[in-house]
PDB file of N, CA and C in Angstrom:
ATOM      1  N   MET A   1     104.265 104.151 133.588  1.00  0.00           N
ATOM      2  CA  MET A   1     105.364 103.281 133.243  1.00  0.00           C
ATOM      3  C   MET A   1     106.575 103.642 134.091  1.00  0.00           C
ATOM      4  N   LYS A   2     107.393 102.651 134.386  1.00  0.00           N
ATOM      5  CA  LYS A   2     108.608 102.900 135.157  1.00  0.00           C
ATOM      6  C   LYS A   2     109.744 103.152 134.173  1.00  0.00           C
ATOM      7  N   ARG A   3     110.443 104.287 134.355  1.00  0.00           N
ATOM      8  CA  ARG A   3     111.532 104.634 133.442  1.00  0.00           C
ATOM      9  C   ARG A   3     112.536 105.545 134.132  1.00  0.00           C
ATOM     10  N   GLN A   4     113.659 105.791 133.450  1.00  0.00           N
ATOM     11  CA  GLN A   4     114.666 106.695 133.987  1.00  0.00           C
ATOM     12  C   GLN A   4     114.247 108.139 133.714  1.00  0.00           C
ATOM     13  N   ILE A   5     114.474 108.971 134.708  1.00  0.00           N
ATOM     14  CA  ILE A   5     114.112 110.386 134.626  1.00  0.00           C
ATOM     15  C   ILE A   5     114.993 111.145 135.618  1.00  0.00           C
ATOM     16  N   ILE A   6     115.174 112.433 135.399  1.00  0.00           N
ATOM     17  CA  ILE A   6     116.026 113.178 136.328  1.00  0.00           C
ATOM     18  C   ILE A   6     115.251 113.536 137.602  1.00  0.00           C
ATOM     19  N   GLN A   7     116.024 113.759 138.649  1.00  0.00           N
ATOM     20  CA  GLN A   7     115.480 114.245 139.918  1.00  0.00           C
ATOM     21  C   GLN A   7     116.414 115.339 140.411  1.00  0.00           C
ATOM     22  N   ILE A   8     115.837 116.427 140.885  1.00  0.00           N
ATOM     23  CA  ILE A   8     116.632 117.563 141.367  1.00  0.00           C
ATOM     24  C   ILE A   8     116.495 117.657 142.876  1.00  0.00           C
ATOM     25  N   ASP A   9     117.620 117.668 143.564  1.00  0.00           N
ATOM     26  CA  ASP A   9     117.641 117.816 145.019  1.00  0.00           C
ATOM     27  C   ASP A   9     117.528 119.315 145.323  1.00  0.00           C
ATOM     28  N   GLU A  10     116.380 119.735 145.826  1.00  0.00           N
ATOM     29  CA  GLU A  10     116.133 121.159 146.088  1.00  0.00           C
ATOM     30  C   GLU A  10     117.087 121.743 147.126  1.00  0.00           C
ATOM     31  N   GLU A  11     117.558 120.912 148.048  1.00  0.00           N
ATOM     32  CA  GLU A  11     118.494 121.392 149.065  1.00  0.00           C
ATOM     33  C   GLU A  11     119.850 121.758 148.448  1.00  0.00           C
ATOM     34  N   LYS A  12     120.278 120.979 147.460  1.00  0.00           N
ATOM     35  CA  LYS A  12     121.571 121.225 146.819  1.00  0.00           C
ATOM     36  C   LYS A  12     121.496 122.297 145.732  1.00  0.00           C
ATOM     37  N   CYS A  13     120.335 122.445 145.076  1.00  0.00           N
ATOM     38  CA  CYS A  13     120.202 123.388 143.961  1.00  0.00           C
ATOM     39  C   CYS A  13     120.365 124.819 144.463  1.00  0.00           C
ATOM     40  N   ASN A  14     121.309 125.555 143.820  1.00  0.00           N
ATOM     41  CA  ASN A  14     121.522 126.948 144.218  1.00  0.00           C
ATOM     42  C   ASN A  14     120.843 127.932 143.260  1.00  0.00           C
ATOM     43  N   GLY A  15     120.115 127.411 142.275  1.00  0.00           N
ATOM     44  CA  GLY A  15     119.378 128.282 141.361  1.00  0.00           C
ATOM     45  C   GLY A  15     120.233 128.967 140.311  1.00  0.00           C
ATOM     46  N   CYS A  16     121.421 128.444 140.046  1.00  0.00           N
ATOM     47  CA  CYS A  16     122.311 129.093 139.059  1.00  0.00           C
ATOM     48  C   CYS A  16     121.750 129.004 137.635  1.00  0.00           C
ATOM     49  N   GLY A  17     120.980 127.977 137.344  1.00  0.00           N
ATOM     50  CA  GLY A  17     120.358 127.830 136.030  1.00  0.00           C
ATOM     51  C   GLY A  17     121.242 127.259 134.942  1.00  0.00           C
ATOM     52  N   LEU A  18     122.446 126.811 135.274  1.00  0.00           N
ATOM     53  CA  LEU A  18     123.343 126.267 134.242  1.00  0.00           C
ATOM     54  C   LEU A  18     122.787 125.007 133.589  1.00  0.00           C
ATOM     55  N   CYS A  19     121.937 124.296 134.268  1.00  0.00           N
ATOM     56  CA  CYS A  19     121.354 123.070 133.725  1.00  0.00           C
ATOM     57  C   CYS A  19     120.308 123.354 132.650  1.00  0.00           C
ATOM     58  N   ILE A  20     119.657 124.497 132.729  1.00  0.00           N
ATOM     59  CA  ILE A  20     118.503 124.779 131.870  1.00  0.00           C
ATOM     60  C   ILE A  20     118.844 124.826 130.382  1.00  0.00           C
ATOM     61  N   PRO A  21     119.837 125.577 129.938  1.00  0.00           N
ATOM     62  CA  PRO A  21     120.118 125.572 128.501  1.00  0.00           C
ATOM     63  C   PRO A  21     120.688 124.244 128.005  1.00  0.00           C
ATOM     64  N   ASN A  22     121.130 123.403 128.923  1.00  0.00           N
ATOM     65  CA  ASN A  22     121.688 122.111 128.551  1.00  0.00           C
ATOM     66  C   ASN A  22     120.664 120.993 128.530  1.00  0.00           C
ATOM     67  N   CYS A  23     119.431 121.332 128.858  1.00  0.00           N
ATOM     68  CA  CYS A  23     118.312 120.407 128.686  1.00  0.00           C
ATOM     69  C   CYS A  23     117.680 120.776 127.343  1.00  0.00           C
ATOM     70  N   HIS A  24     118.051 120.045 126.313  1.00  0.00           N
ATOM     71  CA  HIS A  24     117.618 120.391 124.964  1.00  0.00           C
ATOM     72  C   HIS A  24     116.133 120.154 124.739  1.00  0.00           C
ATOM     73  N   GLU A  25     115.518 119.410 125.631  1.00  0.00           N
ATOM     74  CA  GLU A  25     114.085 119.153 125.512  1.00  0.00           C
ATOM     75  C   GLU A  25     113.238 120.246 126.147  1.00  0.00           C
ATOM     76  N   GLY A  26     113.857 121.124 126.929  1.00  0.00           N
ATOM     77  CA  GLY A  26     113.119 122.203 127.580  1.00  0.00           C
ATOM     78  C   GLY A  26     112.329 121.753 128.789  1.00  0.00           C
ATOM     79  N   ALA A  27     112.760 120.679 129.433  1.00  0.00           N
ATOM     80  CA  ALA A  27     112.029 120.120 130.573  1.00  0.00           C
ATOM     81  C   ALA A  27     112.334 120.829 131.889  1.00  0.00           C
ATOM     82  N   LEU A  28     113.319 121.727 131.892  1.00  0.00           N
ATOM     83  CA  LEU A  28     113.715 122.413 133.124  1.00  0.00           C
ATOM     84  C   LEU A  28     113.421 123.901 133.044  1.00  0.00           C
ATOM     85  N   GLN A  29     113.014 124.460 134.172  1.00  0.00           N
ATOM     86  CA  GLN A  29     112.827 125.903 134.301  1.00  0.00           C
ATOM     87  C   GLN A  29     113.227 126.313 135.706  1.00  0.00           C
ATOM     88  N   LEU A  30     113.597 127.590 135.852  1.00  0.00           N
ATOM     89  CA  LEU A  30     113.834 128.139 137.185  1.00  0.00           C
ATOM     90  C   LEU A  30     112.499 128.628 137.721  1.00  0.00           C
ATOM     91  N   ILE A  31     112.106 128.092 138.851  1.00  0.00           N
ATOM     92  CA  ILE A  31     110.859 128.484 139.500  1.00  0.00           C
ATOM     93  C   ILE A  31     111.168 128.721 140.971  1.00  0.00           C
ATOM     94  N   ASP A  32     110.824 129.900 141.470  1.00  0.00           N
ATOM     95  CA  ASP A  32     111.110 130.275 142.862  1.00  0.00           C
ATOM     96  C   ASP A  32     112.587 130.085 143.212  1.00  0.00           C
ATOM     97  N   GLY A  33     113.466 130.422 142.256  1.00  0.00           N
ATOM     98  CA  GLY A  33     114.903 130.376 142.516  1.00  0.00           C
ATOM     99  C   GLY A  33     115.525 128.994 142.501  1.00  0.00           C
ATOM    100  N   LYS A  34     114.802 127.984 142.026  1.00  0.00           N
ATOM    101  CA  LYS A  34     115.324 126.615 141.960  1.00  0.00           C
ATOM    102  C   LYS A  34     115.017 126.023 140.596  1.00  0.00           C
ATOM    103  N   ALA A  35     115.910 125.158 140.117  1.00  0.00           N
ATOM    104  CA  ALA A  35     115.648 124.426 138.881  1.00  0.00           C
ATOM    105  C   ALA A  35     114.570 123.393 139.170  1.00  0.00           C
ATOM    106  N   ARG A  36     113.622 123.291 138.268  1.00  0.00           N
ATOM    107  CA  ARG A  36     112.512 122.336 138.440  1.00  0.00           C
ATOM    108  C   ARG A  36     112.265 121.586 137.143  1.00  0.00           C
ATOM    109  N   LEU A  37     111.931 120.310 137.263  1.00  0.00           N
ATOM    110  CA  LEU A  37     111.465 119.520 136.139  1.00  0.00           C
ATOM    111  C   LEU A  37     110.009 119.892 135.935  1.00  0.00           C
ATOM    112  N   ILE A  38     109.683 120.493 134.800  1.00  0.00           N
ATOM    113  CA  ILE A  38     108.318 120.987 134.604  1.00  0.00           C
ATOM    114  C   ILE A  38     107.387 119.955 133.991  1.00  0.00           C
ATOM    115  N   SER A  39     107.949 118.909 133.387  1.00  0.00           N
ATOM    116  CA  SER A  39     107.088 117.906 132.773  1.00  0.00           C
ATOM    117  C   SER A  39     107.832 116.601 132.564  1.00  0.00           C
ATOM    118  N   ASP A  40     107.263 115.509 133.085  1.00  0.00           N
ATOM    119  CA  ASP A  40     107.831 114.182 132.822  1.00  0.00           C
ATOM    120  C   ASP A  40     107.857 113.903 131.326  1.00  0.00           C
ATOM    121  N   LEU A  41     106.838 114.374 130.627  1.00  0.00           N
ATOM    122  CA  LEU A  41     106.722 114.134 129.178  1.00  0.00           C
ATOM    123  C   LEU A  41     107.918 114.651 128.403  1.00  0.00           C
ATOM    124  N   MET A  42     108.542 115.722 128.911  1.00  0.00           N
ATOM    125  CA  MET A  42     109.614 116.381 128.161  1.00  0.00           C
ATOM    126  C   MET A  42     111.018 115.943 128.571  1.00  0.00           C
ATOM    127  N   CYS A  43     111.131 115.138 129.611  1.00  0.00           N
ATOM    128  CA  CYS A  43     112.448 114.657 130.057  1.00  0.00           C
ATOM    129  C   CYS A  43     112.729 113.310 129.399  1.00  0.00           C
ATOM    130  N   ASP A  44     113.806 113.261 128.594  1.00  0.00           N
ATOM    131  CA  ASP A  44     114.141 112.004 127.925  1.00  0.00           C
ATOM    132  C   ASP A  44     114.899 111.039 128.838  1.00  0.00           C
ATOM    133  N   GLY A  45     115.301 111.503 130.005  1.00  0.00           N
ATOM    134  CA  GLY A  45     115.974 110.643 130.971  1.00  0.00           C
ATOM    135  C   GLY A  45     117.435 110.371 130.672  1.00  0.00           C
ATOM    136  N   LEU A  46     118.012 111.054 129.688  1.00  0.00           N
ATOM    137  CA  LEU A  46     119.414 110.833 129.341  1.00  0.00           C
ATOM    138  C   LEU A  46     120.374 111.632 130.219  1.00  0.00           C
ATOM    139  N   GLY A  47     119.885 112.707 130.826  1.00  0.00           N
ATOM    140  CA  GLY A  47     120.686 113.455 131.790  1.00  0.00           C
ATOM    141  C   GLY A  47     121.734 114.392 131.228  1.00  0.00           C
ATOM    142  N   ALA A  48     121.497 114.988 130.067  1.00  0.00           N
ATOM    143  CA  ALA A  48     122.460 115.951 129.505  1.00  0.00           C
ATOM    144  C   ALA A  48     122.685 117.122 130.456  1.00  0.00           C
ATOM    145  N   CYS A  49     121.736 117.396 131.317  1.00  0.00           N
ATOM    146  CA  CYS A  49     121.806 118.516 132.257  1.00  0.00           C
ATOM    147  C   CYS A  49     122.728 118.228 133.442  1.00  0.00           C
ATOM    148  N   ILE A  50     122.939 116.972 133.767  1.00  0.00           N
ATOM    149  CA  ILE A  50     123.651 116.584 134.993  1.00  0.00           C
ATOM    150  C   ILE A  50     125.056 117.180 135.078  1.00  0.00           C
ATOM    151  N   GLY A  51     125.832 117.060 134.025  1.00  0.00           N
ATOM    152  CA  GLY A  51     127.219 117.528 134.048  1.00  0.00           C
ATOM    153  C   GLY A  51     127.378 119.029 134.145  1.00  0.00           C
ATOM    154  N   HIS A  52     126.285 119.764 134.029  1.00  0.00           N
ATOM    155  CA  HIS A  52     126.363 121.224 134.074  1.00  0.00           C
ATOM    156  C   HIS A  52     125.950 121.788 135.428  1.00  0.00           C
ATOM    157  N   CYS A  53     125.576 120.928 136.350  1.00  0.00           N
ATOM    158  CA  CYS A  53     125.182 121.371 137.692  1.00  0.00           C
ATOM    159  C   CYS A  53     126.417 121.389 138.593  1.00  0.00           C
ATOM    160  N   PRO A  54     126.860 122.583 139.010  1.00  0.00           N
ATOM    161  CA  PRO A  54     128.057 122.660 139.844  1.00  0.00           C
ATOM    162  C   PRO A  54     127.848 122.129 141.263  1.00  0.00           C
ATOM    163  N   GLU A  55     126.605 121.951 141.664  1.00  0.00           N
ATOM    164  CA  GLU A  55     126.302 121.500 143.024  1.00  0.00           C
ATOM    165  C   GLU A  55     126.000 120.004 143.113  1.00  0.00           C
ATOM    166  N   GLY A  56     125.941 119.322 141.970  1.00  0.00           N
ATOM    167  CA  GLY A  56     125.614 117.891 141.980  1.00  0.00           C
ATOM    168  C   GLY A  56     124.183 117.629 142.428  1.00  0.00           C
ATOM    169  N   ALA A  57     123.285 118.558 142.111  1.00  0.00           N
ATOM    170  CA  ALA A  57     121.891 118.456 142.578  1.00  0.00           C
ATOM    171  C   ALA A  57     121.001 117.602 141.670  1.00  0.00           C
ATOM    172  N   ILE A  58     121.522 117.184 140.521  1.00  0.00           N
ATOM    173  CA  ILE A  58     120.695 116.430 139.572  1.00  0.00           C
ATOM    174  C   ILE A  58     121.216 115.010 139.449  1.00  0.00           C
ATOM    175  N   GLU A  59     120.298 114.065 139.486  1.00  0.00           N
ATOM    176  CA  GLU A  59     120.654 112.667 139.292  1.00  0.00           C
ATOM    177  C   GLU A  59     119.568 111.985 138.458  1.00  0.00           C
ATOM    178  N   ILE A  60     119.908 110.847 137.910  1.00  0.00           N
ATOM    179  CA  ILE A  60     118.922 110.052 137.188  1.00  0.00           C
ATOM    180  C   ILE A  60     118.433 108.966 138.137  1.00  0.00           C
ATOM    181  N   ILE A  61     117.115 108.855 138.230  1.00  0.00           N
ATOM    182  CA  ILE A  61     116.501 107.817 139.046  1.00  0.00           C
ATOM    183  C   ILE A  61     115.527 107.031 138.168  1.00  0.00           C
ATOM    184  N   GLU A  62     115.073 105.908 138.662  1.00  0.00           N
ATOM    185  CA  GLU A  62     114.030 105.159 137.978  1.00  0.00           C
ATOM    186  C   GLU A  62     112.772 105.256 138.833  1.00  0.00           C
ATOM    187  N   ARG A  63     111.682 105.730 138.207  1.00  0.00           N
ATOM    188  CA  ARG A  63     110.415 105.869 138.928  1.00  0.00           C
ATOM    189  C   ARG A  63     109.260 105.835 137.944  1.00  0.00           C
ATOM    190  N   GLU A  64     108.072 105.751 138.486  1.00  0.00           N
ATOM    191  CA  GLU A  64     106.877 105.836 137.654  1.00  0.00           C
ATOM    192  C   GLU A  64     106.822 107.252 137.074  1.00  0.00           C
ATOM    193  N   ALA A  65     106.687 107.354 135.769  1.00  0.00           N
ATOM    194  CA  ALA A  65     106.629 108.654 135.094  1.00  0.00           C
ATOM    195  C   ALA A  65     105.932 108.469 133.754  1.00  0.00           C
ATOM    196  N   GLN A  66     105.342 109.557 133.279  1.00  0.00           N
ATOM    197  CA  GLN A  66     104.758 109.519 131.946  1.00  0.00           C
ATOM    198  C   GLN A  66     105.869 109.281 130.934  1.00  0.00           C
ATOM    199  N   ALA A  67     105.543 108.626 129.849  1.00  0.00           N
ATOM    200  CA  ALA A  67     106.525 108.346 128.806  1.00  0.00           C
ATOM    201  C   ALA A  67     107.012 109.647 128.173  1.00  0.00           C
ATOM    202  N   TYR A  68     108.282 109.661 127.791  1.00  0.00           N
ATOM    203  CA  TYR A  68     108.856 110.798 127.068  1.00  0.00           C
ATOM    204  C   TYR A  68     108.076 110.984 125.774  1.00  0.00           C
ATOM    205  N   ASP A  69     107.727 112.230 125.458  1.00  0.00           N
ATOM    206  CA  ASP A  69     106.914 112.527 124.276  1.00  0.00           C
ATOM    207  C   ASP A  69     107.682 113.473 123.360  1.00  0.00           C
ATOM    208  N   GLU A  70     108.376 112.906 122.378  1.00  0.00           N
ATOM    209  CA  GLU A  70     109.200 113.702 121.476  1.00  0.00           C
ATOM    210  C   GLU A  70     108.372 114.724 120.694  1.00  0.00           C
ATOM    211  N   ILE A  71     107.152 114.377 120.363  1.00  0.00           N
ATOM    212  CA  ILE A  71     106.293 115.307 119.620  1.00  0.00           C
ATOM    213  C   ILE A  71     105.970 116.529 120.479  1.00  0.00           C
ATOM    214  N   ALA A  72     105.689 116.323 121.763  1.00  0.00           N
ATOM    215  CA  ALA A  72     105.429 117.454 122.667  1.00  0.00           C
ATOM    216  C   ALA A  72     106.659 118.353 122.773  1.00  0.00           C
ATOM    217  N   VAL A  73     107.833 117.748 122.817  1.00  0.00           N
ATOM    218  CA  VAL A  73     109.082 118.517 122.897  1.00  0.00           C
ATOM    219  C   VAL A  73     109.254 119.371 121.640  1.00  0.00           C
ATOM    220  N   ILE A  74     109.048 118.783 120.473  1.00  0.00           N
ATOM    221  CA  ILE A  74     109.200 119.520 119.220  1.00  0.00           C
ATOM    222  C   ILE A  74     108.189 120.660 119.144  1.00  0.00           C
ATOM    223  N   LYS A  75     106.955 120.400 119.531  1.00  0.00           N
ATOM    224  CA  LYS A  75     105.939 121.458 119.517  1.00  0.00           C
ATOM    225  C   LYS A  75     106.352 122.618 120.417  1.00  0.00           C
ATOM    226  N   GLU A  76     106.914 122.314 121.566  1.00  0.00           N
ATOM    227  CA  GLU A  76     107.366 123.363 122.487  1.00  0.00           C
ATOM    228  C   GLU A  76     108.541 124.127 121.893  1.00  0.00           C
ATOM    229  N   MET A  77     109.489 123.431 121.252  1.00  0.00           N
ATOM    230  CA  MET A  77     110.635 124.097 120.631  1.00  0.00           C
ATOM    231  C   MET A  77     110.181 125.081 119.563  1.00  0.00           C
ATOM    232  N   VAL A  78     109.237 124.672 118.755  1.00  0.00           N
ATOM    233  CA  VAL A  78     108.765 125.515 117.659  1.00  0.00           C
ATOM    234  C   VAL A  78     108.152 126.808 118.180  1.00  0.00           C
ATOM    235  N   THR A  79     107.525 126.782 119.343  1.00  0.00           N
ATOM    236  CA  THR A  79     106.922 128.003 119.895  1.00  0.00           C
ATOM    237  C   THR A  79     107.969 129.013 120.333  1.00  0.00           C
ATOM    238  N   LYS A  80     109.205 128.570 120.502  1.00  0.00           N
ATOM    239  CA  LYS A  80     110.284 129.468 120.947  1.00  0.00           C
ATOM    240  C   LYS A  80     110.828 130.320 119.811  1.00  0.00           C
ATOM    241  N   GLY A  81     110.402 130.053 118.580  1.00  0.00           N
ATOM    242  CA  GLY A  81     110.856 130.850 117.441  1.00  0.00           C
ATOM    243  C   GLY A  81     111.895 130.141 116.624  1.00  0.00           C
ATOM    244  N   GLU A  82     112.139 130.683 115.444  1.00  0.00           N
ATOM    245  CA  GLU A  82     113.028 130.018 114.498  1.00  0.00           C
ATOM    246  C   GLU A  82     114.471 129.953 114.970  1.00  0.00           C
ATOM    247  N   ASN A  83     114.876 130.789 115.911  1.00  0.00           N
ATOM    248  CA  ASN A  83     116.249 130.730 116.407  1.00  0.00           C
ATOM    249  C   ASN A  83     116.463 129.647 117.453  1.00  0.00           C
ATOM    250  N   SER A  84     115.400 128.940 117.827  1.00  0.00           N
ATOM    251  CA  SER A  84     115.552 127.893 118.834  1.00  0.00           C
ATOM    252  C   SER A  84     115.687 126.510 118.221  1.00  0.00           C
ATOM    253  N   TYR A  85     115.514 126.396 116.912  1.00  0.00           N
ATOM    254  CA  TYR A  85     115.661 125.095 116.267  1.00  0.00           C
ATOM    255  C   TYR A  85     116.120 125.270 114.820  1.00  0.00           C
ATOM    256  N   ARG A  86     116.612 124.196 114.263  1.00  0.00           N
ATOM    257  CA  ARG A  86     116.983 124.157 112.849  1.00  0.00           C
ATOM    258  C   ARG A  86     116.425 122.866 112.278  1.00  0.00           C
ATOM    259  N   THR A  87     116.058 122.884 111.044  1.00  0.00           N
ATOM    260  CA  THR A  87     115.576 121.663 110.413  1.00  0.00           C
ATOM    261  C   THR A  87     116.615 121.150 109.430  1.00  0.00           C
ATOM    262  N   PHE A  88     116.708 119.848 109.337  1.00  0.00           N
ATOM    263  CA  PHE A  88     117.606 119.188 108.407  1.00  0.00           C
ATOM    264  C   PHE A  88     116.824 118.068 107.753  1.00  0.00           C
ATOM    265  N   SER A  89     117.061 117.817 106.506  1.00  0.00           N
ATOM    266  CA  SER A  89     116.380 116.706 105.849  1.00  0.00           C
ATOM    267  C   SER A  89     117.398 115.831 105.150  1.00  0.00           C
ATOM    268  N   THR A  90     117.017 114.571 104.933  1.00  0.00           N
ATOM    269  CA  THR A  90     117.904 113.655 104.227  1.00  0.00           C
ATOM    270  C   THR A  90     117.545 113.659 102.759  1.00  0.00           C
ATOM    271  N   PHE A  91     118.461 113.253 101.924  1.00  0.00           N
ATOM    272  CA  PHE A  91     118.214 113.197 100.494  1.00  0.00           C
ATOM    273  C   PHE A  91     118.092 111.758 100.005  1.00  0.00           C
ATOM    274  N   GLU A  92     118.290 110.792 100.904  1.00  0.00           N
ATOM    275  CA  GLU A  92     118.163 109.387 100.548  1.00  0.00           C
ATOM    276  C   GLU A  92     116.931 108.809 101.229  1.00  0.00           C
ATOM    277  N   GLY A  93     116.235 107.946 100.565  1.00  0.00           N
ATOM    278  CA  GLY A  93     115.082 107.284 101.156  1.00  0.00           C
ATOM    279  C   GLY A  93     113.915 108.235 101.317  1.00  0.00           C
ATOM    280  N   PRO A  94     112.982 107.885 102.200  1.00  0.00           N
ATOM    281  CA  PRO A  94     111.797 108.723 102.379  1.00  0.00           C
ATOM    282  C   PRO A  94     112.167 110.064 103.007  1.00  0.00           C
ATOM    283  N   PRO A  95     111.402 111.111 102.707  1.00  0.00           N
ATOM    284  CA  PRO A  95     111.709 112.417 103.300  1.00  0.00           C
ATOM    285  C   PRO A  95     111.604 112.365 104.825  1.00  0.00           C
ATOM    286  N   ARG A  96     112.577 112.936 105.472  1.00  0.00           N
ATOM    287  CA  ARG A  96     112.600 113.006 106.936  1.00  0.00           C
ATOM    288  C   ARG A  96     113.072 114.389 107.336  1.00  0.00           C
ATOM    289  N   VAL A  97     112.585 114.858 108.452  1.00  0.00           N
ATOM    290  CA  VAL A  97     113.031 116.150 108.972  1.00  0.00           C
ATOM    291  C   VAL A  97     113.331 115.976 110.449  1.00  0.00           C
ATOM    292  N   TRP A  98     114.466 116.492 110.892  1.00  0.00           N
ATOM    293  CA  TRP A  98     114.829 116.490 112.299  1.00  0.00           C
ATOM    294  C   TRP A  98     114.907 117.917 112.780  1.00  0.00           C
ATOM    295  N   LEU A  99     114.548 118.138 114.025  1.00  0.00           N
ATOM    296  CA  LEU A  99     114.704 119.458 114.631  1.00  0.00           C
ATOM    297  C   LEU A  99     115.851 119.377 115.624  1.00  0.00           C
ATOM    298  N   PHE A 100     116.765 120.308 115.535  1.00  0.00           N
ATOM    299  CA  PHE A 100     117.875 120.394 116.463  1.00  0.00           C
ATOM    300  C   PHE A 100     117.865 121.769 117.095  1.00  0.00           C
ATOM    301  N   LYS A 101     118.160 121.819 118.364  1.00  0.00           N
ATOM    302  CA  LYS A 101     118.251 123.110 119.032  1.00  0.00           C
ATOM    303  C   LYS A 101     119.420 123.883 118.435  1.00  0.00           C
ATOM    304  N   ALA A 102     119.158 125.103 118.026  1.00  0.00           N
ATOM    305  CA  ALA A 102     120.211 125.953 117.463  1.00  0.00           C
ATOM    306  C   ALA A 102     121.093 126.461 118.587  1.00  0.00           C
ATOM    307  N   ARG A 103     122.371 126.524 118.344  1.00  0.00           N
ATOM    308  CA  ARG A 103     123.288 127.058 119.344  1.00  0.00           C
ATOM    309  C   ARG A 103     123.205 128.572 119.331  1.00  0.00           C
ATOM    310  N   SER A 104     123.206 129.138 120.497  1.00  0.00           N
ATOM    311  CA  SER A 104     123.214 130.597 120.593  1.00  0.00           C
ATOM    312  C   SER A 104     124.659 131.078 120.576  1.00  0.00           C
ATOM    313  N   LYS A 105     124.841 132.375 120.443  1.00  0.00           N
ATOM    314  CA  LYS A 105     126.200 132.924 120.493  1.00  0.00           C
ATOM    315  C   LYS A 105     126.846 132.613 121.820  1.00  0.00           C
ATOM    316  N   MET A 106     126.036 132.603 122.891  1.00  0.00           N
ATOM    317  CA  MET A 106     126.571 132.307 124.219  1.00  0.00           C
ATOM    318  C   MET A 106     127.090 130.868 124.267  1.00  0.00           C
ATOM    319  N   ASP A 107     126.337 129.901 123.689  1.00  0.00           N
ATOM    320  CA  ASP A 107     126.786 128.513 123.650  1.00  0.00           C
ATOM    321  C   ASP A 107     128.088 128.376 122.873  1.00  0.00           C
ATOM    322  N   ALA A 108     128.221 129.126 121.793  1.00  0.00           N
ATOM    323  CA  ALA A 108     129.379 129.031 120.913  1.00  0.00           C
ATOM    324  C   ALA A 108     130.669 129.487 121.602  1.00  0.00           C
ATOM    325  N   ARG A 109     130.551 130.309 122.624  1.00  0.00           N
ATOM    326  CA  ARG A 109     131.741 130.821 123.338  1.00  0.00           C
ATOM    327  C   ARG A 109     132.353 129.762 124.255  1.00  0.00           C
ATOM    328  N   LYS A 110     131.618 128.714 124.549  1.00  0.00           N
ATOM    329  CA  LYS A 110     132.119 127.697 125.494  1.00  0.00           C
ATOM    330  C   LYS A 110     133.154 126.807 124.866  1.00  0.00           C
TER     331      LYS A 110
END
């Protein structure tokens, strides 16, 4: 399917890693000193990581990519341990649970 997804310019990326904690889906990792999109499935295409790149190496493009898979993202978050997510439920209507990435002490200092 054709959809919006991030693209990282390897020439511009300096490997600082500031984009990684700002990708709440966990779609980015540092590999060989550069930020890399590790899975189309995990990139929601919203670009929360873009504003944290000091080099302007990340942009949103439209291309053929696997559909974003929220279930895969949640499964990956859960493997990171209880400090990587929080659950919240509603008290009205049918039971629902959302997972949110927990802020670390480092995030709280910003």
